Amino acid sequence: MTDITLTEQLDLLLQAERAALLAGDFDQIAELLDIKEALTADLSEQNISREELAPLQDGMRRNQELFDQALAGIRNVASRLGDLQRIRKSMDTYDALGRRMTIDAPKINKLERRA
């Protein structure tokens, strides 16, 4: 069995992180984050050349872009769900003269039966 270097471990981790980002597996991403933090802490203690770090920096940058896009997608979904919730309560529209009107949703009355 051969020993795997720290940079190779980080490269494999970045590949796994990329696969998890593309699959939308946020549980896996959270697990990988702890490992990544430990490996990068170990990396700062070693004397590694810029040439060895360049591919890792590229991989981290690429994954950060994917992560940013995933977060933007989540924010868009949350915004859309908020809009839908707001529309359930009331909706703004315009009349024939261009004046804004608010249409309130009918209140749902619940009938309670008692024995």
PDB file of N, CA and C in Angstrom:
ATOM      1  N   MET A   1       0.849  -1.180   0.000  1.00  0.00           N
ATOM      2  CA  MET A   1       0.000   0.000   0.000  1.00  0.00           C
ATOM      3  C   MET A   1       0.891   1.238   0.000  1.00  0.00           C
ATOM      4  N   THR A   2       0.619   2.144  -0.897  1.00  0.00           N
ATOM      5  CA  THR A   2       1.434   3.350  -0.988  1.00  0.00           C
ATOM      6  C   THR A   2       0.819   4.452  -0.157  1.00  0.00           C
ATOM      7  N   ASP A   3       1.697   5.306   0.358  1.00  0.00           N
ATOM      8  CA  ASP A   3       1.225   6.454   1.118  1.00  0.00           C
ATOM      9  C   ASP A   3       0.751   7.526   0.156  1.00  0.00           C
ATOM     10  N   ILE A   4      -0.334   8.149   0.492  1.00  0.00           N
ATOM     11  CA  ILE A   4      -0.892   9.203  -0.338  1.00  0.00           C
ATOM     12  C   ILE A   4      -0.468  10.541   0.275  1.00  0.00           C
ATOM     13  N   THR A   5       0.009  11.443  -0.561  1.00  0.00           N
ATOM     14  CA  THR A   5       0.479  12.735  -0.058  1.00  0.00           C
ATOM     15  C   THR A   5      -0.697  13.613   0.334  1.00  0.00           C
ATOM     16  N   LEU A   6      -0.387  14.643   1.080  1.00  0.00           N
ATOM     17  CA  LEU A   6      -1.419  15.570   1.530  1.00  0.00           C
ATOM     18  C   LEU A   6      -2.084  16.275   0.355  1.00  0.00           C
ATOM     19  N   THR A   7      -1.288  16.654  -0.631  1.00  0.00           N
ATOM     20  CA  THR A   7      -1.882  17.326  -1.797  1.00  0.00           C
ATOM     21  C   THR A   7      -2.782  16.375  -2.582  1.00  0.00           C
ATOM     22  N   GLU A   8      -2.413  15.099  -2.637  1.00  0.00           N
ATOM     23  CA  GLU A   8      -3.269  14.116  -3.313  1.00  0.00           C
ATOM     24  C   GLU A   8      -4.568  13.900  -2.536  1.00  0.00           C
ATOM     25  N   GLN A   9      -4.477  13.892  -1.193  1.00  0.00           N
ATOM     26  CA  GLN A   9      -5.678  13.774  -0.375  1.00  0.00           C
ATOM     27  C   GLN A   9      -6.614  14.955  -0.622  1.00  0.00           C
ATOM     28  N   LEU A  10      -6.031  16.153  -0.661  1.00  0.00           N
ATOM     29  CA  LEU A  10      -6.858  17.337  -0.915  1.00  0.00           C
ATOM     30  C   LEU A  10      -7.461  17.313  -2.303  1.00  0.00           C
ATOM     31  N   ASP A  11      -6.713  16.836  -3.279  1.00  0.00           N
ATOM     32  CA  ASP A  11      -7.234  16.749  -4.639  1.00  0.00           C
ATOM     33  C   ASP A  11      -8.408  15.783  -4.711  1.00  0.00           C
ATOM     34  N   LEU A  12      -8.277  14.631  -4.059  1.00  0.00           N
ATOM     35  CA  LEU A  12      -9.381  13.668  -4.019  1.00  0.00           C
ATOM     36  C   LEU A  12     -10.592  14.243  -3.293  1.00  0.00           C
ATOM     37  N   LEU A  13     -10.324  14.967  -2.221  1.00  0.00           N
ATOM     38  CA  LEU A  13     -11.408  15.599  -1.469  1.00  0.00           C
ATOM     39  C   LEU A  13     -12.130  16.636  -2.330  1.00  0.00           C
ATOM     40  N   LEU A  14     -11.366  17.433  -3.079  1.00  0.00           N
ATOM     41  CA  LEU A  14     -11.982  18.446  -3.943  1.00  0.00           C
ATOM     42  C   LEU A  14     -12.825  17.794  -5.040  1.00  0.00           C
ATOM     43  N   GLN A  15     -12.367  16.658  -5.546  1.00  0.00           N
ATOM     44  CA  GLN A  15     -13.153  15.942  -6.551  1.00  0.00           C
ATOM     45  C   GLN A  15     -14.460  15.424  -5.943  1.00  0.00           C
ATOM     46  N   ALA A  16     -14.379  14.902  -4.726  1.00  0.00           N
ATOM     47  CA  ALA A  16     -15.589  14.413  -4.050  1.00  0.00           C
ATOM     48  C   ALA A  16     -16.535  15.577  -3.748  1.00  0.00           C
ATOM     49  N   GLU A  17     -15.968  16.712  -3.356  1.00  0.00           N
ATOM     50  CA  GLU A  17     -16.781  17.893  -3.069  1.00  0.00           C
ATOM     51  C   GLU A  17     -17.482  18.388  -4.336  1.00  0.00           C
ATOM     52  N   ARG A  18     -16.768  18.376  -5.444  1.00  0.00           N
ATOM     53  CA  ARG A  18     -17.362  18.790  -6.722  1.00  0.00           C
ATOM     54  C   ARG A  18     -18.521  17.863  -7.105  1.00  0.00           C
ATOM     55  N   ALA A  19     -18.309  16.565  -6.939  1.00  0.00           N
ATOM     56  CA  ALA A  19     -19.375  15.598  -7.260  1.00  0.00           C
ATOM     57  C   ALA A  19     -20.591  15.835  -6.366  1.00  0.00           C
ATOM     58  N   ALA A  20     -20.352  16.115  -5.089  1.00  0.00           N
ATOM     59  CA  ALA A  20     -21.464  16.370  -4.163  1.00  0.00           C
ATOM     60  C   ALA A  20     -22.185  17.662  -4.527  1.00  0.00           C
ATOM     61  N   LEU A  21     -21.439  18.683  -4.927  1.00  0.00           N
ATOM     62  CA  LEU A  21     -22.060  19.951  -5.340  1.00  0.00           C
ATOM     63  C   LEU A  21     -22.923  19.750  -6.583  1.00  0.00           C
ATOM     64  N   LEU A  22     -22.397  19.009  -7.547  1.00  0.00           N
ATOM     65  CA  LEU A  22     -23.147  18.778  -8.779  1.00  0.00           C
ATOM     66  C   LEU A  22     -24.395  17.928  -8.520  1.00  0.00           C
ATOM     67  N   ALA A  23     -24.320  17.043  -7.529  1.00  0.00           N
ATOM     68  CA  ALA A  23     -25.464  16.181  -7.198  1.00  0.00           C
ATOM     69  C   ALA A  23     -26.433  16.862  -6.236  1.00  0.00           C
ATOM     70  N   GLY A  24     -26.014  17.986  -5.651  1.00  0.00           N
ATOM     71  CA  GLY A  24     -26.868  18.677  -4.689  1.00  0.00           C
ATOM     72  C   GLY A  24     -26.923  17.960  -3.343  1.00  0.00           C
ATOM     73  N   ASP A  25     -25.896  17.200  -3.025  1.00  0.00           N
ATOM     74  CA  ASP A  25     -25.843  16.440  -1.775  1.00  0.00           C
ATOM     75  C   ASP A  25     -25.206  17.302  -0.684  1.00  0.00           C
ATOM     76  N   PHE A  26     -26.021  18.143  -0.057  1.00  0.00           N
ATOM     77  CA  PHE A  26     -25.501  19.098   0.920  1.00  0.00           C
ATOM     78  C   PHE A  26     -25.072  18.420   2.215  1.00  0.00           C
ATOM     79  N   ASP A  27     -25.632  17.275   2.539  1.00  0.00           N
ATOM     80  CA  ASP A  27     -25.178  16.529   3.715  1.00  0.00           C
ATOM     81  C   ASP A  27     -23.730  16.068   3.520  1.00  0.00           C
ATOM     82  N   GLN A  28     -23.440  15.569   2.337  1.00  0.00           N
ATOM     83  CA  GLN A  28     -22.082  15.126   2.020  1.00  0.00           C
ATOM     84  C   GLN A  28     -21.118  16.310   2.035  1.00  0.00           C
ATOM     85  N   ILE A  29     -21.549  17.449   1.538  1.00  0.00           N
ATOM     86  CA  ILE A  29     -20.695  18.638   1.523  1.00  0.00           C
ATOM     87  C   ILE A  29     -20.339  19.047   2.950  1.00  0.00           C
ATOM     88  N   ALA A  30     -21.307  18.977   3.850  1.00  0.00           N
ATOM     89  CA  ALA A  30     -21.044  19.331   5.249  1.00  0.00           C
ATOM     90  C   ALA A  30     -20.025  18.377   5.864  1.00  0.00           C
ATOM     91  N   GLU A  31     -20.124  17.100   5.554  1.00  0.00           N
ATOM     92  CA  GLU A  31     -19.161  16.129   6.075  1.00  0.00           C
ATOM     93  C   GLU A  31     -17.764  16.394   5.518  1.00  0.00           C
ATOM     94  N   LEU A  32     -17.689  16.714   4.235  1.00  0.00           N
ATOM     95  CA  LEU A  32     -16.400  16.961   3.600  1.00  0.00           C
ATOM     96  C   LEU A  32     -15.749  18.241   4.121  1.00  0.00           C
ATOM     97  N   LEU A  33     -16.550  19.187   4.568  1.00  0.00           N
ATOM     98  CA  LEU A  33     -16.014  20.453   5.063  1.00  0.00           C
ATOM     99  C   LEU A  33     -15.112  20.239   6.268  1.00  0.00           C
ATOM    100  N   ASP A  34     -15.525  19.378   7.198  1.00  0.00           N
ATOM    101  CA  ASP A  34     -14.700  19.099   8.371  1.00  0.00           C
ATOM    102  C   ASP A  34     -13.358  18.491   7.965  1.00  0.00           C
ATOM    103  N   ILE A  35     -13.393  17.570   7.031  1.00  0.00           N
ATOM    104  CA  ILE A  35     -12.162  16.930   6.561  1.00  0.00           C
ATOM    105  C   ILE A  35     -11.283  17.954   5.854  1.00  0.00           C
ATOM    106  N   LYS A  36     -11.918  18.798   5.038  1.00  0.00           N
ATOM    107  CA  LYS A  36     -11.168  19.810   4.293  1.00  0.00           C
ATOM    108  C   LYS A  36     -10.480  20.793   5.233  1.00  0.00           C
ATOM    109  N   GLU A  37     -11.161  21.187   6.297  1.00  0.00           N
ATOM    110  CA  GLU A  37     -10.559  22.102   7.271  1.00  0.00           C
ATOM    111  C   GLU A  37      -9.332  21.468   7.927  1.00  0.00           C
ATOM    112  N   ALA A  38      -9.428  20.204   8.274  1.00  0.00           N
ATOM    113  CA  ALA A  38      -8.300  19.519   8.896  1.00  0.00           C
ATOM    114  C   ALA A  38      -7.127  19.394   7.935  1.00  0.00           C
ATOM    115  N   LEU A  39      -7.420  19.038   6.685  1.00  0.00           N
ATOM    116  CA  LEU A  39      -6.344  18.890   5.700  1.00  0.00           C
ATOM    117  C   LEU A  39      -5.683  20.220   5.375  1.00  0.00           C
ATOM    118  N   THR A  40      -6.457  21.283   5.266  1.00  0.00           N
ATOM    119  CA  THR A  40      -5.852  22.585   4.971  1.00  0.00           C
ATOM    120  C   THR A  40      -5.049  23.100   6.159  1.00  0.00           C
ATOM    121  N   ALA A  41      -5.456  22.754   7.379  1.00  0.00           N
ATOM    122  CA  ALA A  41      -4.652  23.115   8.555  1.00  0.00           C
ATOM    123  C   ALA A  41      -3.313  22.384   8.512  1.00  0.00           C
ATOM    124  N   ASP A  42      -3.341  21.097   8.136  1.00  0.00           N
ATOM    125  CA  ASP A  42      -2.095  20.335   7.982  1.00  0.00           C
ATOM    126  C   ASP A  42      -1.240  20.905   6.860  1.00  0.00           C
ATOM    127  N   LEU A  43      -1.894  21.380   5.811  1.00  0.00           N
ATOM    128  CA  LEU A  43      -1.194  21.931   4.654  1.00  0.00           C
ATOM    129  C   LEU A  43      -0.394  23.173   5.031  1.00  0.00           C
ATOM    130  N   SER A  44      -0.937  23.979   5.925  1.00  0.00           N
ATOM    131  CA  SER A  44      -0.246  25.205   6.313  1.00  0.00           C
ATOM    132  C   SER A  44       1.020  24.910   7.121  1.00  0.00           C
ATOM    133  N   GLU A  45       1.101  23.720   7.704  1.00  0.00           N
ATOM    134  CA  GLU A  45       2.265  23.341   8.495  1.00  0.00           C
ATOM    135  C   GLU A  45       3.391  22.765   7.647  1.00  0.00           C
ATOM    136  N   GLN A  46       3.111  22.432   6.408  1.00  0.00           N
ATOM    137  CA  GLN A  46       4.117  21.809   5.545  1.00  0.00           C
ATOM    138  C   GLN A  46       4.670  22.829   4.553  1.00  0.00           C
ATOM    139  N   ASN A  47       5.853  22.536   4.082  1.00  0.00           N
ATOM    140  CA  ASN A  47       6.505  23.390   3.094  1.00  0.00           C
ATOM    141  C   ASN A  47       6.212  22.823   1.704  1.00  0.00           C
ATOM    142  N   ILE A  48       5.191  23.386   1.055  1.00  0.00           N
ATOM    143  CA  ILE A  48       4.761  22.886  -0.256  1.00  0.00           C
ATOM    144  C   ILE A  48       4.950  23.999  -1.279  1.00  0.00           C
ATOM    145  N   SER A  49       5.452  23.638  -2.445  1.00  0.00           N
ATOM    146  CA  SER A  49       5.751  24.635  -3.480  1.00  0.00           C
ATOM    147  C   SER A  49       4.469  25.168  -4.120  1.00  0.00           C
ATOM    148  N   ARG A  50       4.613  26.314  -4.752  1.00  0.00           N
ATOM    149  CA  ARG A  50       3.479  26.928  -5.464  1.00  0.00           C
ATOM    150  C   ARG A  50       2.989  26.038  -6.598  1.00  0.00           C
ATOM    151  N   GLU A  51       3.902  25.357  -7.237  1.00  0.00           N
ATOM    152  CA  GLU A  51       3.528  24.487  -8.355  1.00  0.00           C
ATOM    153  C   GLU A  51       2.616  23.353  -7.885  1.00  0.00           C
ATOM    154  N   GLU A  52       2.868  22.856  -6.685  1.00  0.00           N
ATOM    155  CA  GLU A  52       2.023  21.794  -6.141  1.00  0.00           C
ATOM    156  C   GLU A  52       0.661  22.330  -5.692  1.00  0.00           C
ATOM    157  N   LEU A  53       0.646  23.593  -5.259  1.00  0.00           N
ATOM    158  CA  LEU A  53      -0.599  24.191  -4.768  1.00  0.00           C
ATOM    159  C   LEU A  53      -1.504  24.706  -5.888  1.00  0.00           C
ATOM    160  N   ALA A  54      -0.954  25.008  -7.049  1.00  0.00           N
ATOM    161  CA  ALA A  54      -1.737  25.598  -8.141  1.00  0.00           C
ATOM    162  C   ALA A  54      -2.957  24.765  -8.522  1.00  0.00           C
ATOM    163  N   PRO A  55      -2.831  23.446  -8.720  1.00  0.00           N
ATOM    164  CA  PRO A  55      -4.031  22.668  -9.064  1.00  0.00           C
ATOM    165  C   PRO A  55      -5.071  22.669  -7.940  1.00  0.00           C
ATOM    166  N   LEU A  56      -4.586  22.680  -6.701  1.00  0.00           N
ATOM    167  CA  LEU A  56      -5.517  22.715  -5.572  1.00  0.00           C
ATOM    168  C   LEU A  56      -6.263  24.042  -5.532  1.00  0.00           C
ATOM    169  N   GLN A  57      -5.571  25.129  -5.795  1.00  0.00           N
ATOM    170  CA  GLN A  57      -6.222  26.440  -5.818  1.00  0.00           C
ATOM    171  C   GLN A  57      -7.266  26.498  -6.921  1.00  0.00           C
ATOM    172  N   ASP A  58      -6.939  25.934  -8.078  1.00  0.00           N
ATOM    173  CA  ASP A  58      -7.904  25.904  -9.184  1.00  0.00           C
ATOM    174  C   ASP A  58      -9.140  25.089  -8.796  1.00  0.00           C
ATOM    175  N   GLY A  59      -8.914  23.946  -8.172  1.00  0.00           N
ATOM    176  CA  GLY A  59     -10.031  23.104  -7.748  1.00  0.00           C
ATOM    177  C   GLY A  59     -10.886  23.790  -6.696  1.00  0.00           C
ATOM    178  N   MET A  60     -10.251  24.470  -5.757  1.00  0.00           N
ATOM    179  CA  MET A  60     -11.004  25.184  -4.718  1.00  0.00           C
ATOM    180  C   MET A  60     -11.798  26.344  -5.315  1.00  0.00           C
ATOM    181  N   ARG A  61     -11.196  27.047  -6.254  1.00  0.00           N
ATOM    182  CA  ARG A  61     -11.899  28.153  -6.908  1.00  0.00           C
ATOM    183  C   ARG A  61     -13.103  27.631  -7.692  1.00  0.00           C
ATOM    184  N   ARG A  62     -12.908  26.544  -8.414  1.00  0.00           N
ATOM    185  CA  ARG A  62     -13.992  25.945  -9.207  1.00  0.00           C
ATOM    186  C   ARG A  62     -15.134  25.493  -8.295  1.00  0.00           C
ATOM    187  N   ASN A  63     -14.790  24.855  -7.185  1.00  0.00           N
ATOM    188  CA  ASN A  63     -15.818  24.393  -6.251  1.00  0.00           C
ATOM    189  C   ASN A  63     -16.514  25.562  -5.572  1.00  0.00           C
ATOM    190  N   GLN A  64     -15.763  26.636  -5.291  1.00  0.00           N
ATOM    191  CA  GLN A  64     -16.382  27.811  -4.678  1.00  0.00           C
ATOM    192  C   GLN A  64     -17.411  28.430  -5.621  1.00  0.00           C
ATOM    193  N   GLU A  65     -17.101  28.456  -6.908  1.00  0.00           N
ATOM    194  CA  GLU A  65     -18.059  28.971  -7.893  1.00  0.00           C
ATOM    195  C   GLU A  65     -19.324  28.111  -7.923  1.00  0.00           C
ATOM    196  N   LEU A  66     -19.148  26.798  -7.874  1.00  0.00           N
ATOM    197  CA  LEU A  66     -20.310  25.901  -7.840  1.00  0.00           C
ATOM    198  C   LEU A  66     -21.125  26.113  -6.570  1.00  0.00           C
ATOM    199  N   PHE A  67     -20.425  26.266  -5.454  1.00  0.00           N
ATOM    200  CA  PHE A  67     -21.101  26.492  -4.182  1.00  0.00           C
ATOM    201  C   PHE A  67     -21.885  27.800  -4.211  1.00  0.00           C
ATOM    202  N   ASP A  68     -21.273  28.854  -4.769  1.00  0.00           N
ATOM    203  CA  ASP A  68     -21.961  30.145  -4.875  1.00  0.00           C
ATOM    204  C   ASP A  68     -23.225  30.030  -5.726  1.00  0.00           C
ATOM    205  N   GLN A  69     -23.141  29.272  -6.814  1.00  0.00           N
ATOM    206  CA  GLN A  69     -24.305  29.086  -7.676  1.00  0.00           C
ATOM    207  C   GLN A  69     -25.388  28.277  -6.973  1.00  0.00           C
ATOM    208  N   ALA A  70     -24.987  27.274  -6.200  1.00  0.00           N
ATOM    209  CA  ALA A  70     -25.962  26.482  -5.446  1.00  0.00           C
ATOM    210  C   ALA A  70     -26.673  27.359  -4.418  1.00  0.00           C
ATOM    211  N   LEU A  71     -25.919  28.218  -3.741  1.00  0.00           N
ATOM    212  CA  LEU A  71     -26.528  29.129  -2.772  1.00  0.00           C
ATOM    213  C   LEU A  71     -27.467  30.119  -3.452  1.00  0.00           C
ATOM    214  N   ALA A  72     -27.070  30.601  -4.621  1.00  0.00           N
ATOM    215  CA  ALA A  72     -27.947  31.512  -5.357  1.00  0.00           C
ATOM    216  C   ALA A  72     -29.250  30.808  -5.733  1.00  0.00           C
ATOM    217  N   GLY A  73     -29.165  29.552  -6.125  1.00  0.00           N
ATOM    218  CA  GLY A  73     -30.367  28.784  -6.447  1.00  0.00           C
ATOM    219  C   GLY A  73     -31.262  28.608  -5.238  1.00  0.00           C
ATOM    220  N   ILE A  74     -30.662  28.326  -4.087  1.00  0.00           N
ATOM    221  CA  ILE A  74     -31.445  28.178  -2.857  1.00  0.00           C
ATOM    222  C   ILE A  74     -32.115  29.495  -2.496  1.00  0.00           C
ATOM    223  N   ARG A  75     -31.389  30.596  -2.640  1.00  0.00           N
ATOM    224  CA  ARG A  75     -31.978  31.911  -2.348  1.00  0.00           C
ATOM    225  C   ARG A  75     -33.146  32.207  -3.291  1.00  0.00           C
ATOM    226  N   ASN A  76     -32.998  31.836  -4.560  1.00  0.00           N
ATOM    227  CA  ASN A  76     -34.087  32.055  -5.518  1.00  0.00           C
ATOM    228  C   ASN A  76     -35.325  31.243  -5.149  1.00  0.00           C
ATOM    229  N   VAL A  77     -35.120  30.010  -4.736  1.00  0.00           N
ATOM    230  CA  VAL A  77     -36.253  29.168  -4.330  1.00  0.00           C
ATOM    231  C   VAL A  77     -36.921  29.755  -3.089  1.00  0.00           C
ATOM    232  N   ALA A  78     -36.116  30.180  -2.117  1.00  0.00           N
ATOM    233  CA  ALA A  78     -36.682  30.769  -0.898  1.00  0.00           C
ATOM    234  C   ALA A  78     -37.461  32.039  -1.225  1.00  0.00           C
ATOM    235  N   SER A  79     -36.941  32.847  -2.131  1.00  0.00           N
ATOM    236  CA  SER A  79     -37.639  34.064  -2.539  1.00  0.00           C
ATOM    237  C   SER A  79     -38.958  33.729  -3.231  1.00  0.00           C
ATOM    238  N   ARG A  80     -38.921  32.746  -4.107  1.00  0.00           N
ATOM    239  CA  ARG A  80     -40.131  32.343  -4.827  1.00  0.00           C
ATOM    240  C   ARG A  80     -41.181  31.789  -3.870  1.00  0.00           C
ATOM    241  N   LEU A  81     -40.748  30.981  -2.900  1.00  0.00           N
ATOM    242  CA  LEU A  81     -41.691  30.452  -1.916  1.00  0.00           C
ATOM    243  C   LEU A  81     -42.293  31.581  -1.078  1.00  0.00           C
ATOM    244  N   GLY A  82     -41.473  32.584  -0.759  1.00  0.00           N
ATOM    245  CA  GLY A  82     -41.982  33.748  -0.029  1.00  0.00           C
ATOM    246  C   GLY A  82     -43.011  34.505  -0.851  1.00  0.00           C
ATOM    247  N   ASP A  83     -42.739  34.658  -2.151  1.00  0.00           N
ATOM    248  CA  ASP A  83     -43.700  35.321  -3.038  1.00  0.00           C
ATOM    249  C   ASP A  83     -45.016  34.557  -3.096  1.00  0.00           C
ATOM    250  N   LEU A  84     -44.928  33.235  -3.197  1.00  0.00           N
ATOM    251  CA  LEU A  84     -46.139  32.423  -3.249  1.00  0.00           C
ATOM    252  C   LEU A  84     -46.923  32.514  -1.946  1.00  0.00           C
ATOM    253  N   GLN A  85     -46.221  32.548  -0.834  1.00  0.00           N
ATOM    254  CA  GLN A  85     -46.894  32.689   0.459  1.00  0.00           C
ATOM    255  C   GLN A  85     -47.596  34.040   0.558  1.00  0.00           C
ATOM    256  N   ARG A  86     -46.938  35.077   0.085  1.00  0.00           N
ATOM    257  CA  ARG A  86     -47.525  36.419   0.106  1.00  0.00           C
ATOM    258  C   ARG A  86     -48.751  36.499  -0.799  1.00  0.00           C
ATOM    259  N   ILE A  87     -48.702  35.845  -1.947  1.00  0.00           N
ATOM    260  CA  ILE A  87     -49.830  35.854  -2.877  1.00  0.00           C
ATOM    261  C   ILE A  87     -51.034  35.138  -2.280  1.00  0.00           C
ATOM    262  N   ARG A  88     -50.799  34.145  -1.443  1.00  0.00           N
ATOM    263  CA  ARG A  88     -51.912  33.455  -0.807  1.00  0.00           C
ATOM    264  C   ARG A  88     -52.703  34.386   0.100  1.00  0.00           C
ATOM    265  N   LYS A  89     -52.021  35.375   0.664  1.00  0.00           N
ATOM    266  CA  LYS A  89     -52.691  36.314   1.571  1.00  0.00           C
ATOM    267  C   LYS A  89     -53.342  37.464   0.810  1.00  0.00           C
ATOM    268  N   SER A  90     -52.652  38.011  -0.161  1.00  0.00           N
ATOM    269  CA  SER A  90     -53.202  39.089  -0.976  1.00  0.00           C
ATOM    270  C   SER A  90     -52.389  39.197  -2.258  1.00  0.00           C
ATOM    271  N   MET A  91     -52.983  39.855  -3.248  1.00  0.00           N
ATOM    272  CA  MET A  91     -52.317  39.998  -4.529  1.00  0.00           C
ATOM    273  C   MET A  91     -52.494  41.429  -5.015  1.00  0.00           C
ATOM    274  N   ASP A  92     -51.417  42.010  -5.509  1.00  0.00           N
ATOM    275  CA  ASP A  92     -51.491  43.354  -6.074  1.00  0.00           C
ATOM    276  C   ASP A  92     -51.710  43.255  -7.572  1.00  0.00           C
ATOM    277  N   THR A  93     -52.598  44.097  -8.066  1.00  0.00           N
ATOM    278  CA  THR A  93     -52.883  44.136  -9.498  1.00  0.00           C
ATOM    279  C   THR A  93     -53.178  45.581  -9.886  1.00  0.00           C
ATOM    280  N   TYR A  94     -53.453  45.826 -11.137  1.00  0.00           N
ATOM    281  CA  TYR A  94     -53.730  47.176 -11.624  1.00  0.00           C
ATOM    282  C   TYR A  94     -55.061  47.186 -12.357  1.00  0.00           C
ATOM    283  N   ASP A  95     -55.800  48.279 -12.196  1.00  0.00           N
ATOM    284  CA  ASP A  95     -57.079  48.375 -12.892  1.00  0.00           C
ATOM    285  C   ASP A  95     -56.861  48.945 -14.287  1.00  0.00           C
ATOM    286  N   ALA A  96     -57.934  49.192 -15.004  1.00  0.00           N
ATOM    287  CA  ALA A  96     -57.857  49.667 -16.387  1.00  0.00           C
ATOM    288  C   ALA A  96     -57.191  51.036 -16.490  1.00  0.00           C
ATOM    289  N   LEU A  97     -57.230  51.835 -15.421  1.00  0.00           N
ATOM    290  CA  LEU A  97     -56.616  53.161 -15.428  1.00  0.00           C
ATOM    291  C   LEU A  97     -55.181  53.146 -14.919  1.00  0.00           C
ATOM    292  N   GLY A  98     -54.666  51.966 -14.596  1.00  0.00           N
ATOM    293  CA  GLY A  98     -53.284  51.858 -14.142  1.00  0.00           C
ATOM    294  C   GLY A  98     -53.106  52.073 -12.652  1.00  0.00           C
ATOM    295  N   ARG A  99     -54.203  52.113 -11.910  1.00  0.00           N
ATOM    296  CA  ARG A  99     -54.107  52.281 -10.460  1.00  0.00           C
ATOM    297  C   ARG A  99     -53.886  50.932  -9.804  1.00  0.00           C
ATOM    298  N   ARG A 100     -53.065  50.940  -8.808  1.00  0.00           N
ATOM    299  CA  ARG A 100     -52.757  49.703  -8.094  1.00  0.00           C
ATOM    300  C   ARG A 100     -53.916  49.328  -7.169  1.00  0.00           C
ATOM    301  N   MET A 101     -54.227  48.054  -7.186  1.00  0.00           N
ATOM    302  CA  MET A 101     -55.287  47.536  -6.330  1.00  0.00           C
ATOM    303  C   MET A 101     -54.759  46.297  -5.611  1.00  0.00           C
ATOM    304  N   THR A 102     -55.186  46.127  -4.392  1.00  0.00           N
ATOM    305  CA  THR A 102     -54.827  44.930  -3.631  1.00  0.00           C
ATOM    306  C   THR A 102     -56.072  44.081  -3.455  1.00  0.00           C
ATOM    307  N   ILE A 103     -55.940  42.829  -3.825  1.00  0.00           N
ATOM    308  CA  ILE A 103     -57.037  41.883  -3.662  1.00  0.00           C
ATOM    309  C   ILE A 103     -56.661  40.965  -2.511  1.00  0.00           C
ATOM    310  N   ASP A 104     -57.421  41.056  -1.431  1.00  0.00           N
ATOM    311  CA  ASP A 104     -57.160  40.206  -0.271  1.00  0.00           C
ATOM    312  C   ASP A 104     -57.779  38.841  -0.489  1.00  0.00           C
ATOM    313  N   ALA A 105     -57.067  37.838  -0.039  1.00  0.00           N
ATOM    314  CA  ALA A 105     -57.580  36.479  -0.132  1.00  0.00           C
ATOM    315  C   ALA A 105     -58.703  36.311   0.880  1.00  0.00           C
ATOM    316  N   PRO A 106     -59.699  35.540   0.529  1.00  0.00           N
ATOM    317  CA  PRO A 106     -60.799  35.338   1.491  1.00  0.00           C
ATOM    318  C   PRO A 106     -60.287  34.606   2.726  1.00  0.00           C
ATOM    319  N   LYS A 107     -60.815  35.016   3.853  1.00  0.00           N
ATOM    320  CA  LYS A 107     -60.431  34.366   5.102  1.00  0.00           C
ATOM    321  C   LYS A 107     -61.151  33.029   5.190  1.00  0.00           C
ATOM    322  N   ILE A 108     -60.449  32.058   5.668  1.00  0.00           N
ATOM    323  CA  ILE A 108     -61.023  30.724   5.796  1.00  0.00           C
ATOM    324  C   ILE A 108     -61.582  30.612   7.199  1.00  0.00           C
ATOM    325  N   ASN A 109     -62.900  30.467   7.270  1.00  0.00           N
ATOM    326  CA  ASN A 109     -63.556  30.307   8.558  1.00  0.00           C
ATOM    327  C   ASN A 109     -63.618  28.828   8.897  1.00  0.00           C
ATOM    328  N   LYS A 110     -63.247  28.509  10.078  1.00  0.00           N
ATOM    329  CA  LYS A 110     -63.299  27.118  10.510  1.00  0.00           C
ATOM    330  C   LYS A 110     -64.483  26.946  11.454  1.00  0.00           C
ATOM    331  N   LEU A 111     -65.211  25.895  11.219  1.00  0.00           N
ATOM    332  CA  LEU A 111     -66.341  25.585  12.058  1.00  0.00           C
ATOM    333  C   LEU A 111     -65.905  24.527  13.059  1.00  0.00           C
ATOM    334  N   GLU A 112     -66.117  24.826  14.315  1.00  0.00           N
ATOM    335  CA  GLU A 112     -65.737  23.895  15.357  1.00  0.00           C
ATOM    336  C   GLU A 112     -66.988  23.252  15.915  1.00  0.00           C
ATOM    337  N   ARG A 113     -66.994  21.946  15.936  1.00  0.00           N
ATOM    338  CA  ARG A 113     -68.136  21.218  16.499  1.00  0.00           C
ATOM    339  C   ARG A 113     -67.776  20.769  17.892  1.00  0.00           C
ATOM    340  N   ARG A 114     -68.744  20.933  18.758  1.00  0.00           N
ATOM    341  CA  ARG A 114     -68.555  20.454  20.123  1.00  0.00           C
ATOM    342  C   ARG A 114     -69.623  19.423  20.423  1.00  0.00           C
ATOM    343  N   ALA A 115     -69.225  18.433  21.098  1.00  0.00           N
ATOM    344  CA  ALA A 115     -70.183  17.360  21.424  1.00  0.00           C
ATOM    345  C   ALA A 115     -70.947  17.666  22.677  1.00  0.00           C
TER     346      ALA A 115
END
